[in-house]
C-alpha atoms as a PDB file:
ATOM      1  CA  UNK A   1       8.069  10.784  -5.949  1.00  0.00           C
ATOM      2  CA  UNK A   2       4.793   9.664  -7.515  1.00  0.00           C
ATOM      3  CA  UNK A   3       4.330  10.688 -11.105  1.00  0.00           C
ATOM      4  CA  UNK A   4       0.843  12.065 -10.518  1.00  0.00           C
ATOM      5  CA  UNK A   5      -2.336  11.591  -8.529  1.00  0.00           C
ATOM      6  CA  UNK A   6      -3.997   9.224 -11.008  1.00  0.00           C
ATOM      7  CA  UNK A   7      -5.035   5.990  -9.317  1.00  0.00           C
ATOM      8  CA  UNK A   8      -5.041   2.650 -11.058  1.00  0.00           C
ATOM      9  CA  UNK A   9      -8.300   0.732 -11.348  1.00  0.00           C
ATOM     10  CA  UNK A  10      -6.974  -1.662  -8.735  1.00  0.00           C
ATOM     11  CA  UNK A  11      -6.211   1.092  -6.239  1.00  0.00           C
ATOM     12  CA  UNK A  12      -9.619   2.622  -6.845  1.00  0.00           C
ATOM     13  CA  UNK A  13     -11.064  -0.776  -6.009  1.00  0.00           C
ATOM     14  CA  UNK A  14      -9.202  -0.844  -2.705  1.00  0.00           C
ATOM     15  CA  UNK A  15     -10.708   2.518  -1.786  1.00  0.00           C
ATOM     16  CA  UNK A  16     -14.166   1.224  -2.728  1.00  0.00           C
ATOM     17  CA  UNK A  17     -13.657  -1.700  -0.365  1.00  0.00           C
ATOM     18  CA  UNK A  18     -13.561   0.838   2.437  1.00  0.00           C
ATOM     19  CA  UNK A  19      -9.911   0.590   3.388  1.00  0.00           C
ATOM     20  CA  UNK A  20      -9.680   4.368   3.486  1.00  0.00           C
ATOM     21  CA  UNK A  21     -12.524   4.647   5.951  1.00  0.00           C
ATOM     22  CA  UNK A  22     -15.906   4.832   4.192  1.00  0.00           C
ATOM     23  CA  UNK A  23     -17.547   2.519   6.682  1.00  0.00           C
ATOM     24  CA  UNK A  24     -18.732   3.016  10.241  1.00  0.00           C
ATOM     25  CA  UNK A  25     -17.289  -0.166  11.658  1.00  0.00           C
ATOM     26  CA  UNK A  26     -17.197  -0.281  15.435  1.00  0.00           C
ATOM     27  CA  UNK A  27     -13.942   0.545  17.194  1.00  0.00           C
ATOM     28  CA  UNK A  28     -14.787  -2.174  19.726  1.00  0.00           C
ATOM     29  CA  UNK A  29     -13.361  -5.111  17.800  1.00  0.00           C
ATOM     30  CA  UNK A  30     -11.227  -7.946  19.102  1.00  0.00           C
ATOM     31  CA  UNK A  31      -8.047  -9.105  17.379  1.00  0.00           C
ATOM     32  CA  UNK A  32      -7.664 -12.326  15.390  1.00  0.00           C
ATOM     33  CA  UNK A  33     -11.180 -13.844  15.665  1.00  0.00           C
ATOM     34  CA  UNK A  34     -11.343 -17.617  15.172  1.00  0.00           C
ATOM     35  CA  UNK A  35     -11.984 -19.281  11.824  1.00  0.00           C
ATOM     36  CA  UNK A  36     -15.647 -19.114  10.805  1.00  0.00           C
ATOM     37  CA  UNK A  37     -16.332 -16.083  12.965  1.00  0.00           C
ATOM     38  CA  UNK A  38     -17.871 -12.795  11.882  1.00  0.00           C
ATOM     39  CA  UNK A  39     -17.480  -9.156  12.884  1.00  0.00           C
ATOM     40  CA  UNK A  40     -20.244  -6.540  12.816  1.00  0.00           C
ATOM     41  CA  UNK A  41     -23.775  -5.907  14.033  1.00  0.00           C
ATOM     42  CA  UNK A  42     -26.200  -8.802  14.454  1.00  0.00           C
ATOM     43  CA  UNK A  43     -28.095  -7.727  11.338  1.00  0.00           C
ATOM     44  CA  UNK A  44     -24.958  -7.363   9.202  1.00  0.00           C
ATOM     45  CA  UNK A  45     -23.555 -10.699  10.376  1.00  0.00           C
ATOM     46  CA  UNK A  46     -26.854 -12.294   9.344  1.00  0.00           C
ATOM     47  CA  UNK A  47     -26.521 -10.693   5.903  1.00  0.00           C
ATOM     48  CA  UNK A  48     -23.010 -12.117   5.480  1.00  0.00           C
ATOM     49  CA  UNK A  49     -24.224 -15.548   6.596  1.00  0.00           C
ATOM     50  CA  UNK A  50     -26.579 -15.595   3.593  1.00  0.00           C
ATOM     51  CA  UNK A  51     -23.639 -15.271   1.146  1.00  0.00           C
ATOM     52  CA  UNK A  52     -22.057 -18.364  -0.403  1.00  0.00           C
ATOM     53  CA  UNK A  53     -18.393 -18.233  -1.442  1.00  0.00           C
ATOM     54  CA  UNK A  54     -18.246 -20.077  -4.766  1.00  0.00           C
ATOM     55  CA  UNK A  55     -15.853 -20.279  -7.732  1.00  0.00           C
ATOM     56  CA  UNK A  56     -16.473 -20.227 -11.475  1.00  0.00           C
ATOM     57  CA  UNK A  57     -15.031 -22.628 -14.047  1.00  0.00           C
ATOM     58  CA  UNK A  58     -11.771 -20.623 -14.096  1.00  0.00           C
ATOM     59  CA  UNK A  59     -11.418 -20.846 -10.325  1.00  0.00           C
ATOM     60  CA  UNK A  60     -12.324 -17.175  -9.768  1.00  0.00           C
ATOM     61  CA  UNK A  61     -14.197 -16.605  -6.468  1.00  0.00           C
ATOM     62  CA  UNK A  62     -17.836 -15.512  -6.710  1.00  0.00           C
ATOM     63  CA  UNK A  63     -20.103 -14.277  -3.944  1.00  0.00           C
ATOM     64  CA  UNK A  64     -23.562 -15.761  -4.480  1.00  0.00           C
ATOM     65  CA  UNK A  65     -26.565 -14.203  -2.751  1.00  0.00           C
ATOM     66  CA  UNK A  66     -30.100 -13.022  -3.361  1.00  0.00           C
ATOM     67  CA  UNK A  67     -29.932  -9.351  -4.370  1.00  0.00           C
ATOM     68  CA  UNK A  68     -30.619  -6.795  -3.143  1.00  0.00           C
ATOM     69  CA  UNK A  69     -28.652  -7.433   0.050  1.00  0.00           C
ATOM     70  CA  UNK A  70     -27.877  -4.643   2.509  1.00  0.00           C
ATOM     71  CA  UNK A  71     -25.547  -3.923   5.389  1.00  0.00           C
ATOM     72  CA  UNK A  72     -25.638  -0.887   7.655  1.00  0.00           C
ATOM     73  CA  UNK A  73     -21.873  -0.587   8.214  1.00  0.00           C
ATOM     74  CA  UNK A  74     -18.606  -2.519   8.014  1.00  0.00           C
ATOM     75  CA  UNK A  75     -18.771  -6.275   8.608  1.00  0.00           C
ATOM     76  CA  UNK A  76     -16.683  -9.330   7.778  1.00  0.00           C
ATOM     77  CA  UNK A  77     -16.776 -13.125   7.894  1.00  0.00           C
ATOM     78  CA  UNK A  78     -13.793 -15.459   7.784  1.00  0.00           C
ATOM     79  CA  UNK A  79     -14.681 -18.165   5.266  1.00  0.00           C
ATOM     80  CA  UNK A  80     -11.483 -20.223   5.483  1.00  0.00           C
ATOM     81  CA  UNK A  81      -8.326 -19.940   7.541  1.00  0.00           C
ATOM     82  CA  UNK A  82      -5.022 -19.988   5.691  1.00  0.00           C
ATOM     83  CA  UNK A  83      -2.012 -22.167   6.412  1.00  0.00           C
ATOM     84  CA  UNK A  84       0.813 -19.719   5.643  1.00  0.00           C
ATOM     85  CA  UNK A  85       2.612 -17.038   7.611  1.00  0.00           C
ATOM     86  CA  UNK A  86       0.622 -15.186  10.268  1.00  0.00           C
ATOM     87  CA  UNK A  87      -0.369 -11.551   9.688  1.00  0.00           C
ATOM     88  CA  UNK A  88       0.740  -8.994  12.292  1.00  0.00           C
ATOM     89  CA  UNK A  89       0.176  -5.276  12.767  1.00  0.00           C
ATOM     90  CA  UNK A  90       2.336  -3.250  10.392  1.00  0.00           C
ATOM     91  CA  UNK A  91       2.838  -6.105   7.924  1.00  0.00           C
ATOM     92  CA  UNK A  92       2.708  -5.650   4.175  1.00  0.00           C
ATOM     93  CA  UNK A  93      -0.265  -7.789   3.150  1.00  0.00           C
ATOM     94  CA  UNK A  94      -0.916  -8.849  -0.448  1.00  0.00           C
ATOM     95  CA  UNK A  95      -4.362 -10.035  -1.514  1.00  0.00           C
ATOM     96  CA  UNK A  96      -6.722 -10.671  -4.421  1.00  0.00           C
ATOM     97  CA  UNK A  97     -10.303  -9.447  -4.286  1.00  0.00           C
ATOM     98  CA  UNK A  98     -13.597  -9.021  -6.102  1.00  0.00           C
ATOM     99  CA  UNK A  99     -16.099  -6.238  -5.449  1.00  0.00           C
ATOM    100  CA  UNK A 100     -19.748  -7.244  -5.779  1.00  0.00           C
ATOM    101  CA  UNK A 101     -22.690  -4.822  -5.608  1.00  0.00           C
ATOM    102  CA  UNK A 102     -25.317  -5.583  -2.986  1.00  0.00           C
ATOM    103  CA  UNK A 103     -27.865  -3.829  -5.191  1.00  0.00           C
ATOM    104  CA  UNK A 104     -27.858  -6.224  -8.145  1.00  0.00           C
ATOM    105  CA  UNK A 105     -25.038  -8.738  -7.553  1.00  0.00           C
ATOM    106  CA  UNK A 106     -22.863  -7.356 -10.356  1.00  0.00           C
ATOM    107  CA  UNK A 107     -19.062  -7.520 -10.089  1.00  0.00           C
ATOM    108  CA  UNK A 108     -17.420  -4.104 -10.537  1.00  0.00           C
ATOM    109  CA  UNK A 109     -13.781  -5.182 -10.061  1.00  0.00           C
ATOM    110  CA  UNK A 110     -11.785  -8.377  -9.726  1.00  0.00           C
ATOM    111  CA  UNK A 111      -8.035  -8.752  -9.433  1.00  0.00           C
ATOM    112  CA  UNK A 112      -8.544 -12.499  -9.885  1.00  0.00           C
ATOM    113  CA  UNK A 113      -9.916 -12.016 -13.407  1.00  0.00           C
ATOM    114  CA  UNK A 114      -9.048  -8.526 -14.647  1.00  0.00           C
ATOM    115  CA  UNK A 115      -5.294  -8.938 -14.962  1.00  0.00           C
ATOM    116  CA  UNK A 116      -4.734  -6.202 -12.391  1.00  0.00           C
ATOM    117  CA  UNK A 117      -2.528  -8.371 -10.201  1.00  0.00           C
ATOM    118  CA  UNK A 118      -2.800  -8.898  -6.465  1.00  0.00           C
ATOM    119  CA  UNK A 119      -2.893  -5.694  -4.405  1.00  0.00           C
ATOM    120  CA  UNK A 120      -0.920  -4.805  -1.291  1.00  0.00           C
ATOM    121  CA  UNK A 121      -1.252  -2.511   1.698  1.00  0.00           C
ATOM    122  CA  UNK A 122       0.297  -1.993   5.103  1.00  0.00           C
ATOM    123  CA  UNK A 123      -1.980  -3.336   7.842  1.00  0.00           C
ATOM    124  CA  UNK A 124      -2.209  -0.451  10.317  1.00  0.00           C
ATOM    125  CA  UNK A 125      -5.105   0.278  12.631  1.00  0.00           C
ATOM    126  CA  UNK A 126      -4.655   4.031  12.147  1.00  0.00           C
ATOM    127  CA  UNK A 127      -5.104   3.895   8.365  1.00  0.00           C
ATOM    128  CA  UNK A 128      -7.779   1.231   7.854  1.00  0.00           C
ATOM    129  CA  UNK A 129     -11.393   0.558   8.642  1.00  0.00           C
ATOM    130  CA  UNK A 130     -11.267  -1.236  12.026  1.00  0.00           C
ATOM    131  CA  UNK A 131     -13.425  -4.128  10.821  1.00  0.00           C
ATOM    132  CA  UNK A 132     -11.160  -4.788   7.815  1.00  0.00           C
ATOM    133  CA  UNK A 133      -8.075  -4.459  10.012  1.00  0.00           C
ATOM    134  CA  UNK A 134      -9.409  -6.973  12.542  1.00  0.00           C
ATOM    135  CA  UNK A 135     -10.657  -9.320   9.828  1.00  0.00           C
ATOM    136  CA  UNK A 136      -7.041  -9.904   8.711  1.00  0.00           C
ATOM    137  CA  UNK A 137      -5.017  -9.407  11.899  1.00  0.00           C
ATOM    138  CA  UNK A 138      -3.711 -12.661  13.344  1.00  0.00           C
ATOM    139  CA  UNK A 139      -4.885 -14.800  10.427  1.00  0.00           C
ATOM    140  CA  UNK A 140      -2.633 -16.487   7.895  1.00  0.00           C
ATOM    141  CA  UNK A 141      -1.691 -16.349   4.242  1.00  0.00           C
ATOM    142  CA  UNK A 142      -4.366 -18.227   2.317  1.00  0.00           C
ATOM    143  CA  UNK A 143      -7.233 -16.892   4.428  1.00  0.00           C
ATOM    144  CA  UNK A 144     -10.509 -16.216   2.599  1.00  0.00           C
ATOM    145  CA  UNK A 145     -12.632 -13.352   3.934  1.00  0.00           C
ATOM    146  CA  UNK A 146     -15.934 -11.772   2.944  1.00  0.00           C
ATOM    147  CA  UNK A 147     -15.864  -8.052   3.751  1.00  0.00           C
ATOM    148  CA  UNK A 148     -18.865  -5.716   3.535  1.00  0.00           C
ATOM    149  CA  UNK A 149     -19.157  -1.952   3.652  1.00  0.00           C
ATOM    150  CA  UNK A 150     -21.284   0.935   2.448  1.00  0.00           C
ATOM    151  CA  UNK A 151     -19.719   3.303  -0.046  1.00  0.00           C
ATOM    152  CA  UNK A 152     -20.354   5.474  -3.087  1.00  0.00           C
ATOM    153  CA  UNK A 153     -21.858   3.540  -5.995  1.00  0.00           C
ATOM    154  CA  UNK A 154     -18.862   1.897  -7.777  1.00  0.00           C
ATOM    155  CA  UNK A 155     -20.670   2.193 -11.127  1.00  0.00           C
ATOM    156  CA  UNK A 156     -20.449   5.978 -10.924  1.00  0.00           C
ATOM    157  CA  UNK A 157     -24.016   6.242 -12.214  1.00  0.00           C
ATOM    158  CA  UNK A 158     -25.274   7.788  -8.983  1.00  0.00           C
ATOM    159  CA  UNK A 159     -23.866   9.459  -5.886  1.00  0.00           C
ATOM    160  CA  UNK A 160     -25.944   7.204  -3.655  1.00  0.00           C
ATOM    161  CA  UNK A 161     -24.358   5.069  -0.967  1.00  0.00           C
ATOM    162  CA  UNK A 162     -24.662   1.370  -1.744  1.00  0.00           C
ATOM    163  CA  UNK A 163     -23.629  -1.859  -0.016  1.00  0.00           C
ATOM    164  CA  UNK A 164     -20.646  -3.678  -1.510  1.00  0.00           C
ATOM    165  CA  UNK A 165     -19.185  -7.082  -0.713  1.00  0.00           C
ATOM    166  CA  UNK A 166     -15.558  -8.079  -1.198  1.00  0.00           C
ATOM    167  CA  UNK A 167     -14.225 -11.620  -1.627  1.00  0.00           C
ATOM    168  CA  UNK A 168     -10.654 -11.398  -0.344  1.00  0.00           C
ATOM    169  CA  UNK A 169      -7.880 -14.015  -0.506  1.00  0.00           C
ATOM    170  CA  UNK A 170      -4.619 -13.219   1.306  1.00  0.00           C
ATOM    171  CA  UNK A 171      -1.737 -14.311  -0.929  1.00  0.00           C
ATOM    172  CA  UNK A 172       1.426 -13.078   0.802  1.00  0.00           C
ATOM    173  CA  UNK A 173       2.755 -11.165   3.799  1.00  0.00           C
ATOM    174  CA  UNK A 174       6.056  -9.481   4.629  1.00  0.00           C
ATOM    175  CA  UNK A 175       7.170  -7.768   7.843  1.00  0.00           C
ATOM    176  CA  UNK A 176       8.869  -4.417   7.123  1.00  0.00           C
ATOM    177  CA  UNK A 177      11.950  -3.319   9.023  1.00  0.00           C
ATOM    178  CA  UNK A 178      11.587  -0.270  11.262  1.00  0.00           C
ATOM    179  CA  UNK A 179      14.539   1.408   9.505  1.00  0.00           C
ATOM    180  CA  UNK A 180      17.454   0.538   7.224  1.00  0.00           C
ATOM    181  CA  UNK A 181      19.724  -2.177   8.621  1.00  0.00           C
ATOM    182  CA  UNK A 182      23.054  -3.398   7.319  1.00  0.00           C
ATOM    183  CA  UNK A 183      26.626  -2.291   6.696  1.00  0.00           C
ATOM    184  CA  UNK A 184      27.478   1.418   6.615  1.00  0.00           C
ATOM    185  CA  UNK A 185      29.056   2.603   3.366  1.00  0.00           C
ATOM    186  CA  UNK A 186      31.535   5.476   3.313  1.00  0.00           C
ATOM    187  CA  UNK A 187      29.858   8.577   1.811  1.00  0.00           C
ATOM    188  CA  UNK A 188      31.143  10.132  -1.395  1.00  0.00           C
ATOM    189  CA  UNK A 189      32.669  13.616  -1.220  1.00  0.00           C
ATOM    190  CA  UNK A 190      30.662  16.400  -2.818  1.00  0.00           C
ATOM    191  CA  UNK A 191      27.247  14.829  -2.232  1.00  0.00           C
ATOM    192  CA  UNK A 192      24.647  15.896   0.351  1.00  0.00           C
ATOM    193  CA  UNK A 193      25.704  14.790   3.842  1.00  0.00           C
ATOM    194  CA  UNK A 194      23.081  12.727   5.660  1.00  0.00           C
ATOM    195  CA  UNK A 195      22.637  12.771   9.440  1.00  0.00           C
ATOM    196  CA  UNK A 196      20.272  10.375  11.199  1.00  0.00           C
ATOM    197  CA  UNK A 197      18.224  11.031  14.329  1.00  0.00           C
ATOM    198  CA  UNK A 198      17.931   8.310  16.968  1.00  0.00           C
ATOM    199  CA  UNK A 199      14.664   7.248  15.302  1.00  0.00           C
ATOM    200  CA  UNK A 200      16.393   6.885  11.941  1.00  0.00           C
ATOM    201  CA  UNK A 201      14.811   9.995  10.415  1.00  0.00           C
ATOM    202  CA  UNK A 202      17.314  11.709   8.098  1.00  0.00           C
ATOM    203  CA  UNK A 203      18.327  15.315   7.624  1.00  0.00           C
ATOM    204  CA  UNK A 204      20.695  16.556   4.913  1.00  0.00           C
ATOM    205  CA  UNK A 205      23.308  19.259   4.451  1.00  0.00           C
ATOM    206  CA  UNK A 206      23.434  20.077   0.739  1.00  0.00           C
ATOM    207  CA  UNK A 207      26.685  21.506  -0.651  1.00  0.00           C
ATOM    208  CA  UNK A 208      26.726  25.040  -2.051  1.00  0.00           C
ATOM    209  CA  UNK A 209      27.575  23.805  -5.540  1.00  0.00           C
ATOM    210  CA  UNK A 210      25.696  23.164  -8.752  1.00  0.00           C
ATOM    211  CA  UNK A 211      23.723  19.913  -8.623  1.00  0.00           C
ATOM    212  CA  UNK A 212      24.946  16.827 -10.500  1.00  0.00           C
ATOM    213  CA  UNK A 213      23.738  16.610 -14.093  1.00  0.00           C
ATOM    214  CA  UNK A 214      23.206  12.842 -13.880  1.00  0.00           C
ATOM    215  CA  UNK A 215      21.358  10.571 -11.486  1.00  0.00           C
ATOM    216  CA  UNK A 216      23.171   9.741  -8.242  1.00  0.00           C
ATOM    217  CA  UNK A 217      22.122   6.610  -6.345  1.00  0.00           C
ATOM    218  CA  UNK A 218      24.547   6.300  -3.439  1.00  0.00           C
ATOM    219  CA  UNK A 219      23.993   3.422  -1.000  1.00  0.00           C
ATOM    220  CA  UNK A 220      24.642   4.684   2.534  1.00  0.00           C
ATOM    221  CA  UNK A 221      23.659   1.485   4.363  1.00  0.00           C
ATOM    222  CA  UNK A 222      23.816  -1.805   2.465  1.00  0.00           C
ATOM    223  CA  UNK A 223      21.076  -4.206   3.507  1.00  0.00           C
ATOM    224  CA  UNK A 224      21.166  -7.981   3.490  1.00  0.00           C
ATOM    225  CA  UNK A 225      17.849  -8.739   1.796  1.00  0.00           C
ATOM    226  CA  UNK A 226      16.996  -9.660  -1.759  1.00  0.00           C
ATOM    227  CA  UNK A 227      17.546  -7.216  -4.610  1.00  0.00           C
ATOM    228  CA  UNK A 228      14.662  -4.959  -5.623  1.00  0.00           C
ATOM    229  CA  UNK A 229      13.247  -5.688  -9.066  1.00  0.00           C
ATOM    230  CA  UNK A 230      11.171  -3.474 -11.325  1.00  0.00           C
ATOM    231  CA  UNK A 231       7.444  -3.948 -10.737  1.00  0.00           C
ATOM    232  CA  UNK A 232       7.822  -4.968  -7.089  1.00  0.00           C
ATOM    233  CA  UNK A 233       5.828  -3.249  -4.385  1.00  0.00           C
ATOM    234  CA  UNK A 234       8.304  -1.809  -1.867  1.00  0.00           C
ATOM    235  CA  UNK A 235       7.733  -0.441   1.620  1.00  0.00           C
ATOM    236  CA  UNK A 236       9.955   2.555   2.289  1.00  0.00           C
ATOM    237  CA  UNK A 237      10.578   5.430   4.653  1.00  0.00           C
ATOM    238  CA  UNK A 238      11.762   8.498   2.788  1.00  0.00           C
ATOM    239  CA  UNK A 239      12.372  12.222   3.025  1.00  0.00           C
ATOM    240  CA  UNK A 240      12.744  14.625   0.102  1.00  0.00           C
ATOM    241  CA  UNK A 241      14.377  18.039  -0.402  1.00  0.00           C
ATOM    242  CA  UNK A 242      15.017  20.489  -3.206  1.00  0.00           C
ATOM    243  CA  UNK A 243      18.675  21.198  -3.999  1.00  0.00           C
ATOM    244  CA  UNK A 244      18.387  24.470  -2.035  1.00  0.00           C
ATOM    245  CA  UNK A 245      17.616  22.418   1.094  1.00  0.00           C
ATOM    246  CA  UNK A 246      13.856  23.008   1.186  1.00  0.00           C
ATOM    247  CA  UNK A 247      12.065  19.928   2.542  1.00  0.00           C
ATOM    248  CA  UNK A 248       8.919  19.000   0.612  1.00  0.00           C
ATOM    249  CA  UNK A 249       7.851  15.500   1.703  1.00  0.00           C
ATOM    250  CA  UNK A 250       8.566  12.828   4.307  1.00  0.00           C
ATOM    251  CA  UNK A 251       6.930   9.589   5.395  1.00  0.00           C
ATOM    252  CA  UNK A 252       8.682   9.951   8.755  1.00  0.00           C
ATOM    253  CA  UNK A 253       6.371  12.813   9.719  1.00  0.00           C
ATOM    254  CA  UNK A 254       3.370  10.470   9.854  1.00  0.00           C
ATOM    255  CA  UNK A 255       5.309   7.528  11.267  1.00  0.00           C
ATOM    256  CA  UNK A 256       3.781   5.268   8.593  1.00  0.00           C
ATOM    257  CA  UNK A 257       6.019   3.967   5.764  1.00  0.00           C
ATOM    258  CA  UNK A 258       4.883   4.333   2.162  1.00  0.00           C
ATOM    259  CA  UNK A 259       4.157   1.396  -0.144  1.00  0.00           C
ATOM    260  CA  UNK A 260       5.173   2.121  -3.746  1.00  0.00           C
ATOM    261  CA  UNK A 261       5.291   0.091  -6.950  1.00  0.00           C
ATOM    262  CA  UNK A 262       8.685   0.346  -8.653  1.00  0.00           C
ATOM    263  CA  UNK A 263       7.459   1.014 -12.169  1.00  0.00           C
ATOM    264  CA  UNK A 264       7.733   3.913 -14.579  1.00  0.00           C
ATOM    265  CA  UNK A 265       3.971   4.408 -14.734  1.00  0.00           C
ATOM    266  CA  UNK A 266       3.825   4.899 -10.959  1.00  0.00           C
ATOM    267  CA  UNK A 267       7.044   6.697  -9.988  1.00  0.00           C
ATOM    268  CA  UNK A 268       9.440   9.237 -11.423  1.00  0.00           C
ATOM    269  CA  UNK A 269      12.248   7.592 -13.368  1.00  0.00           C
ATOM    270  CA  UNK A 270      14.902   8.583 -10.843  1.00  0.00           C
ATOM    271  CA  UNK A 271      13.303   6.394  -8.203  1.00  0.00           C
ATOM    272  CA  UNK A 272      12.960   3.375 -10.466  1.00  0.00           C
ATOM    273  CA  UNK A 273      16.459   3.618 -11.933  1.00  0.00           C
ATOM    274  CA  UNK A 274      18.022   4.426  -8.561  1.00  0.00           C
ATOM    275  CA  UNK A 275      16.387   1.683  -6.484  1.00  0.00           C
ATOM    276  CA  UNK A 276      16.088  -1.347  -8.790  1.00  0.00           C
ATOM    277  CA  UNK A 277      18.899  -3.754  -7.920  1.00  0.00           C
ATOM    278  CA  UNK A 278      19.416  -2.396  -4.384  1.00  0.00           C
ATOM    279  CA  UNK A 279      19.166  -4.908  -1.481  1.00  0.00           C
ATOM    280  CA  UNK A 280      16.186  -4.730   0.865  1.00  0.00           C
ATOM    281  CA  UNK A 281      17.288  -3.188   4.156  1.00  0.00           C
ATOM    282  CA  UNK A 282      19.444  -0.566   2.437  1.00  0.00           C
ATOM    283  CA  UNK A 283      19.416   3.202   2.783  1.00  0.00           C
ATOM    284  CA  UNK A 284      19.960   5.089  -0.467  1.00  0.00           C
ATOM    285  CA  UNK A 285      20.735   8.735  -1.212  1.00  0.00           C
ATOM    286  CA  UNK A 286      19.097   9.739  -4.504  1.00  0.00           C
ATOM    287  CA  UNK A 287      19.986  12.966  -6.322  1.00  0.00           C
ATOM    288  CA  UNK A 288      17.599  13.183  -9.257  1.00  0.00           C
ATOM    289  CA  UNK A 289      18.031  15.654 -12.141  1.00  0.00           C
ATOM    290  CA  UNK A 290      14.893  17.275 -13.603  1.00  0.00           C
ATOM    291  CA  UNK A 291      14.944  14.968 -16.632  1.00  0.00           C
ATOM    292  CA  UNK A 292      14.368  11.971 -14.338  1.00  0.00           C
ATOM    293  CA  UNK A 293      12.065  13.859 -11.974  1.00  0.00           C
ATOM    294  CA  UNK A 294       9.232  16.217 -12.860  1.00  0.00           C
ATOM    295  CA  UNK A 295      11.000  17.959 -15.744  1.00  0.00           C
ATOM    296  CA  UNK A 296       9.666  21.370 -16.699  1.00  0.00           C
ATOM    297  CA  UNK A 297       6.373  20.890 -14.847  1.00  0.00           C
ATOM    298  CA  UNK A 298       5.505  22.260 -11.411  1.00  0.00           C
ATOM    299  CA  UNK A 299       4.461  19.487  -9.024  1.00  0.00           C
ATOM    300  CA  UNK A 300       2.763  20.983  -5.985  1.00  0.00           C
ATOM    301  CA  UNK A 301       5.473  22.649  -3.904  1.00  0.00           C
ATOM    302  CA  UNK A 302       8.187  21.407  -6.292  1.00  0.00           C
ATOM    303  CA  UNK A 303       9.059  24.066  -8.912  1.00  0.00           C
ATOM    304  CA  UNK A 304       9.650  23.147 -12.529  1.00  0.00           C
ATOM    305  CA  UNK A 305      13.242  22.214 -13.339  1.00  0.00           C
ATOM    306  CA  UNK A 306      14.059  21.082  -9.797  1.00  0.00           C
ATOM    307  CA  UNK A 307      16.845  18.711  -8.828  1.00  0.00           C
ATOM    308  CA  UNK A 308      15.478  16.453  -6.084  1.00  0.00           C
ATOM    309  CA  UNK A 309      17.288  14.890  -3.130  1.00  0.00           C
ATOM    310  CA  UNK A 310      15.835  11.847  -1.346  1.00  0.00           C
ATOM    311  CA  UNK A 311      17.008   9.582   1.442  1.00  0.00           C
ATOM    312  CA  UNK A 312      15.174   6.248   1.135  1.00  0.00           C
ATOM    313  CA  UNK A 313      15.120   3.364   3.614  1.00  0.00           C
ATOM    314  CA  UNK A 314      13.996   0.126   1.887  1.00  0.00           C
ATOM    315  CA  UNK A 315      12.060  -1.764   4.542  1.00  0.00           C
ATOM    316  CA  UNK A 316      10.389  -4.635   2.647  1.00  0.00           C
ATOM    317  CA  UNK A 317       9.226  -5.701  -0.791  1.00  0.00           C
ATOM    318  CA  UNK A 318       6.891  -8.201  -2.391  1.00  0.00           C
END
């Protein structure tokens, strides 16, 4: 359902922080360390202890230290505990961050100052660096954390591995549902028929007819949460098929929901138009004509001119 593989500057920054696994953080980490504690080797903890969390005149966090400063692998230090909702495994966590080079102290990215907006991810041990995961688990909204890792030079000037330091402030958290919950809605004749496994994973039987010419957004289960708005980050489980019944994608296969921004620069139009205004907790059948999908362009295993069928469970949104 994504328009393409181009990442925003903010998402690239998240990868640089090591959330996709650049670091070598130990798997032997305890959950929810106390305020003021640090995670990592003795040497890396000492490096983090030399960093001062400061703010500039605009209130933007700055990490102040004597460069160059090195770490050998992933490490983190809780600077301040928050006073909001507690963060649990599987939660959708929203945060601001800066990325500071350990080589020269330069800032390569900042959601606080760059107008990128706070970023969000699902806190899962399987997907994240274990040190980052443990640095947030069990803490609260408002927490301030210094996170360190070793990754490819963010400047792009070299391919060398360099130490980077992130100043992270947790700004929000939401707990996704496991599957759609709410009131069942009678299906409409002539549309694909959806059957759910005990887990909630959908399959479809697509009628042997020509596909609809216009977008179909049929609510199958009506949730009780707030209405999705354009620009929100939503957590969803989904499966997708071509009109001939060929499956091409599913978040259910990995067991990890997807987090997607409901905007035209991130998703195909059929998703945005079909999901905006739908209550959180709902399950929606989308039948998307080529004009609101990938048009006349091949997209991986999706041929040009394809009508797309999706079943989407809306699990949370921020």
